Amino acid sequence: MFGYPKWRAWTVILVSVFGIIFSVPNFLPKVVYEKIPASIQEWWHPMTLGLDLQGGSSLLMEVQINDLVQERLNGLMDATRSGLREKRIKFTGLSVQDGVMSVKILDNSELYTAKNLIQEQEKNAYNVDIDENVLRVSYNEEALTSLKVKAIEQSIEIVRRRIDELGTKEPSIQQQGEDRILLQLPGVQNPTEVKALLGKTAKMTFHLVDEETSVQDAQRGKISSDSMLVSGDETIVLKRAVAVGGDRLTNASVGYGERNEPVVNFSFDSVGAKAFAKVTRENVGRRMAIVLDNEIISAPVINSPITGGSGIISGSFTLESAENLAMMLRSGALPAPLEVIEERVVGAGLGTDSIQAGAMACIIGSIAVFIFMVAVYGKFGMFANVALVINVFLLVALLSVLNATLTLPGLAGIALTIGMAVDSNVLIYARMRDEARLGRAPLQIINAGFENSFSAIFDAQITTLFAAVVLFFMGSGPVKGFSVTLGIGVVTSLFTAVMITKFLIMVWYTVRKPKSIQI
């Protein structure tokens, strides 16, 4: 072709073929697509529809920060008790209530020693007030804010892992406000199972059984401060100190016991394996309880040292409950409980109506653009229309390949892209008209039209792209959905208007060799 590089021609052809091939799954009937082999579906798949298009569930959950603070202060209380005993400081009234740990030091001369001991547990984290000979400890504002931020970040990550284990496609998990998480599950009409999985923190710990204190004595209040009464499959008095923490688990899976009953196999990392081996080696013949979310699962006798870094959790499991426990242990423990404060279910029928309305808007908009371009620019308008069709294919293909979730605002972005896509062609054709009035040769008119209008086209598209990027990073939810399709649409529109339209015009010029051009 006259003055049109081969590499550009091949780029246009290959990109156009890519757009058509990877957009096809979106137009296939579901029954047809499901017959395609799974190995092909992994890379050749349609766009994922958002909650508002295919229906599903939306859960707004609140991270119970107060429970986390209480747990941290309980840990501080245990550490303080051990530290004061080690330094032989006499105390009484050690307790945690309403986010404050208090302890009475009997000897006033040891107040500041006790205060320093507490503050060294976690530097720059606590406010320690002295009221006569009572120390009152609470988190300071900076430490509390840091605790909240980390709890939210960790909770989002754990929620994501658990939801991924369920096989839910394209969930939307994002923070809302200071202590809330919005979870959207497209296609899930009954979130009961999800709520059950997310309702458990899955904190597992191993405790030695206090064999010197009976359950009856503990229930009457005759129990050491180093022990605690815990219920579950049975009620047992346990040592309060954690022998091994569940945070050292690296894997958990379902297996079967000697009587073919479901059990959960678990394994520790190297640090946990050493700690587990040490505890079991030093306590052969004693019972050690497995506690999950403050409930005893089982309390077997340690028959011999367990040095392999793995073990078995047995109990009254069904296969489903064993699988759920293994999944939660694999994904990790939530730092604090999650409470569902709002639940919505969007029906699939509403999603279908939204898709039909959005598709109809795109079709009507496309027809209007087609008619306008042909009416005003004739055959050159047809070239622009062909480029517009390829633009839509490319846009849909990229959304599919990138696994982007299409939402109703995303459909609005596609409709807007269709309306804006021919703006660049209008600028090009206006410049070509100016060149034609000057009596230039046809090839000069074509080249000048594209070259002289490119800077204006590029500036217009790049500013729209900047706006889409800002909307993506500053917005949330629906705004992000709109910005994604708008941003991708800007890129595809620039390519089709400049590259594909010129390619089509140059093919026409090569074949027809017109003596003049009328636009």
Protein backbone atom coordinates (compact mmCIF):
# COMPACT_ATOMS: atom_id res chain seq x y z
CA MET A 1 0.00 0.00 0.00
CA PHE A 2 1.13 3.52 -0.82
CA GLY A 3 3.23 4.83 2.05
CA TYR A 4 1.70 2.48 4.65
CA PRO A 5 4.35 0.38 6.45
CA LYS A 6 3.87 -3.38 6.50
CA TRP A 7 4.45 -3.59 10.25
CA ARG A 8 1.48 -1.27 10.81
CA ALA A 9 -0.71 -3.33 8.52
CA TRP A 10 0.19 -6.55 10.33
CA THR A 11 -0.30 -4.88 13.72
CA VAL A 12 -3.82 -3.81 12.73
CA ILE A 13 -4.66 -7.28 11.41
CA LEU A 14 -3.28 -9.17 14.42
CA VAL A 15 -4.85 -6.84 17.00
CA SER A 16 -8.21 -7.02 15.22
CA VAL A 17 -8.08 -10.82 15.10
CA PHE A 18 -7.17 -10.86 18.80
CA GLY A 19 -10.19 -8.68 19.61
CA ILE A 20 -12.59 -10.86 17.66
CA ILE A 21 -11.27 -14.19 19.01
CA PHE A 22 -11.18 -13.22 22.69
CA SER A 23 -14.53 -11.46 22.64
CA VAL A 24 -16.39 -14.46 21.14
CA PRO A 25 -17.01 -16.26 24.52
CA ASN A 26 -19.14 -13.32 25.61
CA PHE A 27 -21.57 -13.91 22.75
CA LEU A 28 -21.82 -17.72 22.99
CA PRO A 29 -24.89 -19.27 24.64
CA LYS A 30 -24.05 -20.64 28.09
CA VAL A 31 -24.92 -24.23 27.13
CA VAL A 32 -22.49 -24.02 24.20
CA TYR A 33 -19.64 -22.50 26.21
CA GLU A 34 -19.96 -25.11 28.97
CA LYS A 35 -19.18 -27.86 26.44
CA ILE A 36 -15.76 -26.33 25.73
CA PRO A 37 -12.87 -28.21 27.49
CA ALA A 38 -11.82 -26.74 30.84
CA SER A 39 -8.22 -26.35 29.66
CA ILE A 40 -9.42 -23.92 26.97
CA GLN A 41 -11.84 -22.13 29.32
CA GLU A 42 -8.89 -21.22 31.56
CA TRP A 43 -7.61 -18.70 28.99
CA TRP A 44 -10.63 -18.27 26.69
CA HIS A 45 -13.45 -17.06 28.87
CA PRO A 46 -16.13 -14.34 28.97
CA MET A 47 -16.18 -11.32 31.23
CA THR A 48 -17.24 -11.89 34.82
CA LEU A 49 -20.49 -10.11 35.56
CA GLY A 50 -20.72 -8.08 38.74
CA LEU A 51 -23.26 -8.40 41.53
CA ASP A 52 -25.64 -5.91 39.93
CA LEU A 53 -25.69 -7.81 36.62
CA GLN A 54 -25.83 -11.49 37.53
CA GLY A 55 -27.28 -11.20 41.02
CA GLY A 56 -25.66 -12.43 44.22
CA SER A 57 -25.08 -11.51 47.82
CA SER A 58 -23.65 -8.47 49.56
CA LEU A 59 -22.43 -8.62 53.16
CA LEU A 60 -21.32 -5.61 55.18
CA MET A 61 -19.22 -6.83 58.11
CA GLU A 62 -17.79 -5.00 61.08
CA VAL A 63 -14.45 -5.98 62.62
CA GLN A 64 -14.95 -6.23 66.38
CA ILE A 65 -11.95 -4.14 67.39
CA ASN A 66 -13.03 -4.07 71.05
CA ASP A 67 -12.75 -7.85 71.19
CA LEU A 68 -9.26 -7.64 69.72
CA VAL A 69 -8.22 -5.02 72.29
CA GLN A 70 -9.64 -7.20 75.05
CA GLU A 71 -7.69 -10.20 73.77
CA ARG A 72 -4.44 -8.22 73.53
CA LEU A 73 -4.89 -6.90 77.06
CA ASN A 74 -5.58 -10.43 78.30
CA GLY A 75 -2.26 -11.43 76.77
CA LEU A 76 -0.64 -8.44 78.47
CA MET A 77 -2.25 -9.52 81.74
CA ASP A 78 -0.68 -13.00 81.48
CA ALA A 79 2.71 -11.51 80.63
CA THR A 80 2.40 -9.02 83.51
CA ARG A 81 1.52 -11.77 85.97
CA SER A 82 4.58 -13.79 84.97
CA GLY A 83 6.85 -10.73 85.00
CA LEU A 84 5.75 -9.53 88.43
CA ARG A 85 6.19 -13.01 89.90
CA GLU A 86 9.64 -13.30 88.35
CA LYS A 87 10.70 -10.01 89.94
CA ARG A 88 9.00 -11.00 93.22
CA ILE A 89 6.73 -7.94 93.17
CA LYS A 90 3.63 -8.51 95.28
CA PHE A 91 0.36 -7.59 93.61
CA THR A 92 -3.38 -8.20 93.68
CA GLY A 93 -6.49 -7.37 91.67
CA LEU A 94 -4.93 -8.07 88.26
CA SER A 95 -7.81 -7.88 85.78
CA VAL A 96 -8.99 -6.54 82.41
CA GLN A 97 -12.27 -4.68 82.01
CA ASP A 98 -13.65 -2.26 79.40
CA GLY A 99 -10.36 -1.91 77.54
CA VAL A 100 -8.29 -1.24 80.67
CA MET A 101 -5.96 -3.55 82.55
CA SER A 102 -5.55 -2.74 86.24
CA VAL A 103 -3.27 -4.17 88.90
CA LYS A 104 -2.65 -3.15 92.51
CA ILE A 105 0.98 -3.14 93.63
CA LEU A 106 1.19 -3.78 97.37
CA ASP A 107 4.55 -2.10 97.89
CA ASN A 108 4.51 1.55 96.72
CA SER A 109 8.28 1.53 96.24
CA GLU A 110 7.89 -1.01 93.42
CA LEU A 111 5.25 0.95 91.48
CA TYR A 112 7.62 2.35 88.87
CA THR A 113 9.44 -0.97 88.48
CA ALA A 114 6.08 -2.58 87.71
CA LYS A 115 5.17 0.29 85.36
CA ASN A 116 8.41 -0.12 83.38
CA LEU A 117 7.89 -3.87 83.21
CA ILE A 118 4.45 -3.35 81.63
CA GLN A 119 5.63 -0.71 79.17
CA GLU A 120 8.49 -2.92 78.00
CA GLN A 121 6.00 -5.57 76.83
CA GLU A 122 5.16 -3.39 73.81
CA LYS A 123 7.11 -0.15 73.59
CA ASN A 124 5.22 3.12 73.03
CA ALA A 125 1.87 1.31 72.99
CA TYR A 126 0.38 1.89 76.43
CA ASN A 127 -0.81 4.70 78.63
CA VAL A 128 -0.04 3.72 82.21
CA ASP A 129 -1.79 5.84 84.84
CA ILE A 130 -1.02 5.55 88.54
CA ASP A 131 -3.92 6.01 90.96
CA GLU A 132 -2.44 5.69 94.46
CA ASN A 133 -0.91 2.19 94.19
CA VAL A 134 -3.06 0.96 91.29
CA LEU A 135 -1.71 0.85 87.73
CA ARG A 136 -4.31 1.33 84.97
CA VAL A 137 -3.09 0.37 81.50
CA SER A 138 -4.76 1.14 78.16
CA TYR A 139 -3.67 1.49 74.54
CA ASN A 140 -2.67 5.00 73.52
CA GLU A 141 -4.34 6.63 70.52
CA GLU A 142 -1.50 5.99 68.07
CA ALA A 143 -1.16 2.32 69.00
CA LEU A 144 -4.93 1.82 68.87
CA THR A 145 -5.10 3.34 65.38
CA SER A 146 -2.24 1.11 64.22
CA LEU A 147 -3.99 -1.90 65.71
CA LYS A 148 -7.20 -1.07 63.83
CA VAL A 149 -5.42 -0.59 60.50
CA LYS A 150 -3.53 -3.87 60.79
CA ALA A 151 -6.67 -5.72 61.90
CA ILE A 152 -8.64 -4.48 58.89
CA GLU A 153 -5.83 -5.31 56.44
CA GLN A 154 -5.34 -8.78 57.92
CA SER A 155 -9.10 -9.44 58.03
CA ILE A 156 -9.50 -8.53 54.35
CA GLU A 157 -6.66 -10.87 53.42
CA ILE A 158 -8.07 -13.77 55.49
CA VAL A 159 -11.58 -13.20 54.11
CA ARG A 160 -10.15 -13.26 50.59
CA ARG A 161 -8.36 -16.57 51.26
CA ARG A 162 -11.48 -18.20 52.68
CA ILE A 163 -13.70 -16.99 49.86
CA ASP A 164 -11.14 -18.20 47.29
CA GLU A 165 -11.22 -21.64 48.96
CA LEU A 166 -14.97 -21.76 48.28
CA GLY A 167 -14.31 -21.29 44.57
CA THR A 168 -16.40 -18.11 44.32
CA LYS A 169 -15.48 -16.24 41.13
CA GLU A 170 -14.46 -12.59 41.24
CA PRO A 171 -15.58 -11.61 44.75
CA SER A 172 -15.33 -7.93 45.61
CA ILE A 173 -13.73 -7.32 49.01
CA GLN A 174 -13.04 -3.77 50.10
CA GLN A 175 -12.80 -1.64 53.21
CA GLN A 176 -15.62 0.69 54.13
CA GLY A 177 -15.02 3.30 56.78
CA GLU A 178 -12.62 2.60 59.64
CA ASP A 179 -13.69 -0.87 60.72
CA ARG A 180 -16.00 -2.37 58.10
CA ILE A 181 -15.55 -4.72 55.16
CA LEU A 182 -17.90 -4.91 52.18
CA LEU A 183 -18.03 -8.37 50.60
CA GLN A 184 -19.89 -8.87 47.31
CA LEU A 185 -20.34 -12.37 45.93
CA PRO A 186 -21.68 -12.46 42.35
CA GLY A 187 -23.83 -15.52 41.66
CA VAL A 188 -24.18 -16.53 45.34
CA GLN A 189 -27.89 -16.40 46.19
CA ASN A 190 -27.63 -18.04 49.61
CA PRO A 191 -24.75 -16.65 51.71
CA THR A 192 -25.47 -18.91 54.72
CA GLU A 193 -22.35 -21.03 54.17
CA VAL A 194 -20.21 -17.93 53.65
CA LYS A 195 -21.47 -16.34 56.86
CA ALA A 196 -20.77 -19.55 58.78
CA LEU A 197 -17.18 -19.62 57.54
CA LEU A 198 -16.55 -15.94 58.18
CA GLY A 199 -18.29 -16.02 61.55
CA LYS A 200 -15.44 -18.02 63.07
CA THR A 201 -12.08 -16.49 63.85
CA ALA A 202 -10.48 -19.99 63.67
CA LYS A 203 -7.90 -19.28 66.38
CA MET A 204 -6.47 -22.60 67.43
CA THR A 205 -4.24 -23.07 70.45
CA PHE A 206 -2.84 -26.03 72.36
CA HIS A 207 -3.07 -26.04 76.18
CA LEU A 208 -1.97 -28.55 78.79
CA VAL A 209 -4.74 -29.82 81.04
CA ASP A 210 -4.62 -28.69 84.70
CA GLU A 211 -4.86 -32.09 86.35
CA GLU A 212 -4.66 -30.65 89.89
CA THR A 213 -7.94 -28.72 89.69
CA SER A 214 -11.26 -30.47 89.26
CA VAL A 215 -14.09 -29.07 87.17
CA GLN A 216 -16.29 -28.90 90.26
CA ASP A 217 -13.71 -26.83 92.16
CA ALA A 218 -13.30 -24.50 89.17
CA GLN A 219 -17.07 -24.02 88.91
CA ARG A 220 -17.13 -23.08 92.61
CA GLY A 221 -14.42 -20.47 91.97
CA LYS A 222 -11.57 -22.48 93.44
CA ILE A 223 -9.23 -22.11 90.50
CA SER A 224 -5.73 -20.69 90.12
CA SER A 225 -5.21 -17.54 88.09
CA ASP A 226 -2.90 -19.64 85.89
CA SER A 227 -5.78 -21.88 84.83
CA MET A 228 -9.11 -21.50 83.07
CA LEU A 229 -12.32 -23.46 82.65
CA VAL A 230 -13.11 -24.21 79.01
CA SER A 231 -16.09 -26.06 77.51
CA GLY A 232 -16.57 -27.89 74.23
CA ASP A 233 -17.00 -31.59 73.58
CA GLU A 234 -16.25 -31.77 77.30
CA THR A 235 -15.58 -29.25 80.05
CA ILE A 236 -11.97 -29.25 81.25
CA VAL A 237 -9.69 -27.07 83.39
CA LEU A 238 -6.74 -25.98 81.22
CA LYS A 239 -3.51 -24.18 81.85
CA ARG A 240 -3.97 -20.61 80.67
CA ALA A 241 -0.52 -20.45 79.03
CA VAL A 242 -0.51 -21.39 75.35
CA ALA A 243 1.74 -24.42 74.82
CA VAL A 244 1.80 -23.98 71.04
CA GLY A 245 0.00 -21.37 68.94
CA GLY A 246 -2.05 -22.15 65.85
CA ASP A 247 -0.31 -19.31 64.02
CA ARG A 248 2.54 -21.75 63.41
CA LEU A 249 0.36 -24.03 61.27
CA THR A 250 1.44 -24.31 57.64
CA ASN A 251 -1.15 -26.74 56.30
CA ALA A 252 -4.33 -28.58 57.21
CA SER A 253 -6.23 -31.23 55.28
CA VAL A 254 -9.00 -33.78 55.75
CA GLY A 255 -8.10 -37.39 56.42
CA TYR A 256 -9.63 -40.48 57.99
CA GLY A 257 -8.93 -42.00 61.39
CA GLU A 258 -8.61 -45.60 62.52
CA ARG A 259 -12.40 -46.10 62.50
CA ASN A 260 -12.70 -44.38 59.11
CA GLU A 261 -14.07 -41.23 60.77
CA PRO A 262 -13.17 -37.78 59.32
CA VAL A 263 -10.17 -36.12 60.99
CA VAL A 264 -8.06 -33.05 60.25
CA ASN A 265 -4.34 -33.52 59.62
CA PHE A 266 -2.15 -30.50 60.39
CA SER A 267 1.52 -29.58 60.18
CA PHE A 268 3.67 -26.84 61.73
CA ASP A 269 6.50 -24.72 60.43
CA SER A 270 10.00 -25.35 61.79
CA VAL A 271 9.52 -23.12 64.86
CA GLY A 272 6.14 -24.62 65.68
CA ALA A 273 7.45 -28.16 65.12
CA LYS A 274 10.25 -27.59 67.64
CA ALA A 275 7.87 -26.11 70.21
CA PHE A 276 5.37 -28.95 69.69
CA ALA A 277 8.12 -31.57 70.05
CA LYS A 278 9.41 -29.91 73.25
CA VAL A 279 5.95 -29.76 74.85
CA THR A 280 5.06 -33.36 73.98
CA ARG A 281 8.49 -34.63 75.04
CA GLU A 282 8.24 -32.98 78.47
CA ASN A 283 4.62 -33.99 79.12
CA VAL A 284 4.31 -37.64 78.10
CA GLY A 285 1.32 -39.19 79.88
CA ARG A 286 -0.49 -35.86 80.32
CA ARG A 287 -3.46 -34.59 78.33
CA MET A 288 -3.16 -31.68 75.96
CA ALA A 289 -6.29 -29.93 74.71
CA ILE A 290 -6.85 -28.48 71.25
CA VAL A 291 -8.89 -25.29 71.61
CA LEU A 292 -10.59 -23.61 68.64
CA ASP A 293 -12.29 -20.26 69.25
CA ASN A 294 -12.45 -20.90 73.01
CA GLU A 295 -14.03 -24.32 72.57
CA ILE A 296 -12.32 -27.65 73.21
CA ILE A 297 -12.25 -29.87 70.14
CA SER A 298 -10.39 -32.74 71.75
CA ALA A 299 -8.01 -33.39 74.63
CA PRO A 300 -5.96 -36.53 73.87
CA VAL A 301 -3.27 -38.05 76.07
CA ILE A 302 0.33 -37.51 74.92
CA ASN A 303 1.49 -41.11 74.54
CA SER A 304 4.91 -40.29 73.12
CA PRO A 305 6.89 -37.27 71.89
CA ILE A 306 5.61 -35.93 68.56
CA THR A 307 8.70 -34.78 66.69
CA GLY A 308 7.53 -34.85 63.08
CA GLY A 309 5.91 -31.42 63.21
CA SER A 310 2.45 -32.78 62.37
CA GLY A 311 -0.58 -34.15 64.16
CA ILE A 312 -4.22 -35.11 63.92
CA ILE A 313 -7.33 -33.36 65.23
CA SER A 314 -10.09 -35.86 65.89
CA GLY A 315 -13.58 -35.23 67.22
CA SER A 316 -17.22 -35.56 66.33
CA PHE A 317 -16.62 -34.30 62.78
CA THR A 318 -18.77 -34.79 59.74
CA LEU A 319 -16.93 -34.71 56.42
CA GLU A 320 -18.27 -31.18 55.76
CA SER A 321 -17.29 -29.81 59.18
CA ALA A 322 -13.81 -31.36 58.86
CA GLU A 323 -13.37 -29.76 55.43
CA ASN A 324 -14.52 -26.38 56.78
CA LEU A 325 -12.13 -26.58 59.75
CA ALA A 326 -9.21 -27.56 57.50
CA MET A 327 -10.03 -24.69 55.14
CA MET A 328 -10.17 -22.14 57.97
CA LEU A 329 -6.89 -23.37 59.46
CA ARG A 330 -5.21 -23.15 56.04
CA SER A 331 -6.44 -19.61 55.43
CA GLY A 332 -5.36 -18.41 58.88
CA ALA A 333 -7.11 -16.95 61.89
CA LEU A 334 -9.00 -13.69 61.81
CA PRO A 335 -7.48 -11.13 64.18
CA ALA A 336 -10.95 -10.29 65.52
CA PRO A 337 -14.52 -11.58 65.03
CA LEU A 338 -16.55 -10.27 62.09
CA GLU A 339 -20.18 -9.33 62.66
CA VAL A 340 -22.54 -9.10 59.67
CA ILE A 341 -24.44 -5.83 60.14
CA GLU A 342 -26.10 -5.68 56.72
CA GLU A 343 -27.03 -8.38 54.24
CA ARG A 344 -28.53 -7.95 50.76
CA VAL A 345 -29.40 -10.47 48.08
CA VAL A 346 -29.74 -9.24 44.50
CA GLY A 347 -31.94 -11.51 42.38
CA ALA A 348 -30.65 -12.87 39.09
CA GLY A 349 -33.78 -11.52 37.38
CA LEU A 350 -32.84 -7.95 38.25
CA GLY A 351 -29.36 -8.61 36.87
CA THR A 352 -30.83 -9.91 33.59
CA ASP A 353 -33.00 -6.81 33.26
CA SER A 354 -29.93 -4.62 33.84
CA ILE A 355 -27.94 -6.46 31.17
CA GLN A 356 -30.76 -6.16 28.66
CA ALA A 357 -31.21 -2.46 29.38
CA GLY A 358 -27.47 -1.80 29.14
CA ALA A 359 -27.11 -3.84 25.94
CA MET A 360 -30.08 -2.02 24.40
CA ALA A 361 -28.51 1.35 25.30
CA CYS A 362 -25.26 0.30 23.58
CA ILE A 363 -27.12 -0.96 20.49
CA ILE A 364 -29.24 2.19 20.14
CA GLY A 365 -26.18 4.38 20.64
CA SER A 366 -24.24 2.40 18.04
CA ILE A 367 -27.04 2.62 15.46
CA ALA A 368 -27.33 6.37 15.99
CA VAL A 369 -23.56 6.80 15.53
CA PHE A 370 -23.57 4.59 12.41
CA ILE A 371 -26.36 6.60 10.78
CA PHE A 372 -24.75 9.94 11.64
CA MET A 373 -21.30 8.98 10.30
CA VAL A 374 -22.67 7.60 7.00
CA ALA A 375 -25.00 10.58 6.55
CA VAL A 376 -22.22 13.13 7.10
CA TYR A 377 -19.10 11.42 5.72
CA GLY A 378 -20.40 8.79 3.25
CA LYS A 379 -18.01 5.93 2.62
CA PHE A 380 -15.48 7.44 5.03
CA GLY A 381 -18.20 7.24 7.66
CA MET A 382 -18.46 3.52 6.90
CA PHE A 383 -14.71 3.16 7.52
CA ALA A 384 -15.20 4.84 10.90
CA ASN A 385 -18.12 2.52 11.67
CA VAL A 386 -16.05 -0.59 10.91
CA ALA A 387 -13.34 0.76 13.22
CA LEU A 388 -16.01 1.34 15.89
CA VAL A 389 -17.17 -2.29 15.67
CA ILE A 390 -13.57 -3.50 16.05
CA ASN A 391 -13.20 -1.07 18.94
CA VAL A 392 -16.08 -2.75 20.76
CA PHE A 393 -14.57 -6.20 20.09
CA LEU A 394 -11.21 -5.04 21.47
CA LEU A 395 -12.82 -3.49 24.53
CA VAL A 396 -14.77 -6.66 25.36
CA ALA A 397 -11.72 -8.86 24.64
CA LEU A 398 -9.46 -6.87 26.98
CA LEU A 399 -12.05 -6.94 29.77
CA SER A 400 -12.27 -10.72 29.32
CA VAL A 401 -8.53 -11.35 29.22
CA LEU A 402 -7.90 -9.12 32.26
CA ASN A 403 -10.61 -10.97 34.23
CA ALA A 404 -12.30 -7.64 34.86
CA THR A 405 -15.72 -7.67 36.50
CA LEU A 406 -18.35 -5.90 34.42
CA THR A 407 -20.84 -3.92 36.48
CA LEU A 408 -23.78 -1.72 35.52
CA PRO A 409 -21.60 1.44 35.70
CA GLY A 410 -19.12 -0.48 33.53
CA LEU A 411 -21.85 -0.88 30.92
CA ALA A 412 -22.35 2.87 31.10
CA GLY A 413 -18.63 3.27 30.42
CA ILE A 414 -18.94 1.07 27.32
CA ALA A 415 -21.91 3.10 26.08
CA LEU A 416 -19.93 6.32 26.61
CA THR A 417 -16.92 4.83 24.78
CA ILE A 418 -19.12 4.03 21.77
CA GLY A 419 -20.38 7.61 21.69
CA MET A 420 -16.90 9.11 22.01
CA ALA A 421 -15.05 6.64 19.75
CA VAL A 422 -15.79 8.50 16.51
CA ASP A 423 -14.76 11.90 17.90
CA SER A 424 -11.23 11.27 16.65
CA ASN A 425 -12.53 10.37 13.18
CA VAL A 426 -14.50 13.61 13.08
CA LEU A 427 -11.29 15.57 13.75
CA ILE A 428 -9.41 13.58 11.08
CA TYR A 429 -12.11 14.04 8.46
CA ALA A 430 -12.41 17.76 9.23
CA ARG A 431 -8.68 18.14 8.59
CA MET A 432 -8.96 16.07 5.36
CA ARG A 433 -11.72 18.40 4.15
CA ASP A 434 -9.47 21.39 4.73
CA GLU A 435 -6.67 19.72 2.77
CA ALA A 436 -9.10 18.82 -0.08
CA ARG A 437 -10.17 22.47 -0.39
CA LEU A 438 -6.52 23.39 -0.97
CA GLY A 439 -6.48 21.11 -4.02
CA ARG A 440 -4.01 18.58 -2.65
CA ALA A 441 -3.54 15.12 -4.18
CA PRO A 442 -5.62 12.29 -2.61
CA LEU A 443 -2.66 10.59 -0.89
CA GLN A 444 -1.49 13.94 0.51
CA ILE A 445 -5.02 14.61 1.81
CA ILE A 446 -5.13 11.25 3.63
CA ASN A 447 -1.67 11.54 5.20
CA ALA A 448 -2.11 15.21 6.17
CA GLY A 449 -5.52 14.50 7.69
CA PHE A 450 -4.10 11.90 10.06
CA GLU A 451 -0.76 13.55 10.80
CA ASN A 452 -2.04 17.08 11.43
CA SER A 453 -4.88 15.96 13.69
CA PHE A 454 -2.95 13.43 15.78
CA SER A 455 -1.72 15.89 18.43
CA ALA A 456 -5.26 17.14 19.08
CA ILE A 457 -6.61 13.57 19.21
CA PHE A 458 -3.85 12.43 21.54
CA ASP A 459 -4.33 15.37 23.91
CA ALA A 460 -8.08 14.78 24.10
CA GLN A 461 -7.72 11.05 24.75
CA ILE A 462 -4.90 11.35 27.27
CA THR A 463 -6.82 13.85 29.42
CA THR A 464 -9.81 11.47 29.45
CA LEU A 465 -7.46 8.64 30.43
CA PHE A 466 -6.06 10.73 33.30
CA ALA A 467 -9.61 11.34 34.51
CA ALA A 468 -10.32 7.58 34.39
CA VAL A 469 -7.15 6.83 36.39
CA VAL A 470 -8.07 9.40 39.05
CA LEU A 471 -11.60 7.95 39.28
CA PHE A 472 -10.15 4.46 39.71
CA PHE A 473 -7.79 5.34 42.55
CA MET A 474 -10.00 7.90 44.30
CA GLY A 475 -13.38 6.25 43.75
CA SER A 476 -14.85 3.02 45.06
CA GLY A 477 -17.33 0.39 43.95
CA PRO A 478 -19.46 1.63 41.01
CA VAL A 479 -17.07 4.50 40.25
CA LYS A 480 -14.19 2.06 39.77
CA GLY A 481 -16.29 -0.10 37.45
CA PHE A 482 -17.03 2.92 35.29
CA SER A 483 -13.41 4.10 35.27
CA VAL A 484 -12.05 0.68 34.18
CA THR A 485 -14.21 0.44 31.06
CA LEU A 486 -13.71 4.13 30.28
CA GLY A 487 -9.92 3.85 30.60
CA ILE A 488 -9.69 0.72 28.43
CA GLY A 489 -12.14 2.32 25.97
CA VAL A 490 -9.89 5.37 25.60
CA VAL A 491 -6.91 3.18 24.67
CA THR A 492 -8.86 1.06 22.18
CA SER A 493 -10.54 4.14 20.66
CA LEU A 494 -7.19 5.81 20.06
CA PHE A 495 -5.86 2.69 18.35
CA THR A 496 -8.90 2.07 16.15
CA ALA A 497 -9.39 5.72 15.13
CA VAL A 498 -5.78 6.29 14.16
CA MET A 499 -4.50 2.87 13.05
CA ILE A 500 -7.51 0.89 11.84
CA THR A 501 -9.35 3.74 10.13
CA LYS A 502 -6.21 4.72 8.19
CA PHE A 503 -5.57 1.08 7.30
CA LEU A 504 -9.08 0.76 5.82
CA ILE A 505 -8.75 4.04 3.92
CA MET A 506 -5.35 3.00 2.54
CA VAL A 507 -6.75 -0.37 1.40
CA TRP A 508 -9.57 1.48 -0.35
CA TYR A 509 -7.12 3.94 -1.93
CA THR A 510 -4.82 1.13 -3.12
CA VAL A 511 -7.70 -0.73 -4.76
CA ARG A 512 -9.67 2.22 -6.23
CA LYS A 513 -6.83 4.74 -6.93
CA PRO A 514 -9.22 7.74 -6.92
CA LYS A 515 -8.22 10.93 -8.73
CA SER A 516 -9.89 13.08 -6.08
CA ILE A 517 -11.43 12.70 -2.63
CA GLN A 518 -14.83 14.07 -1.64
CA ILE A 519 -15.64 14.03 2.08
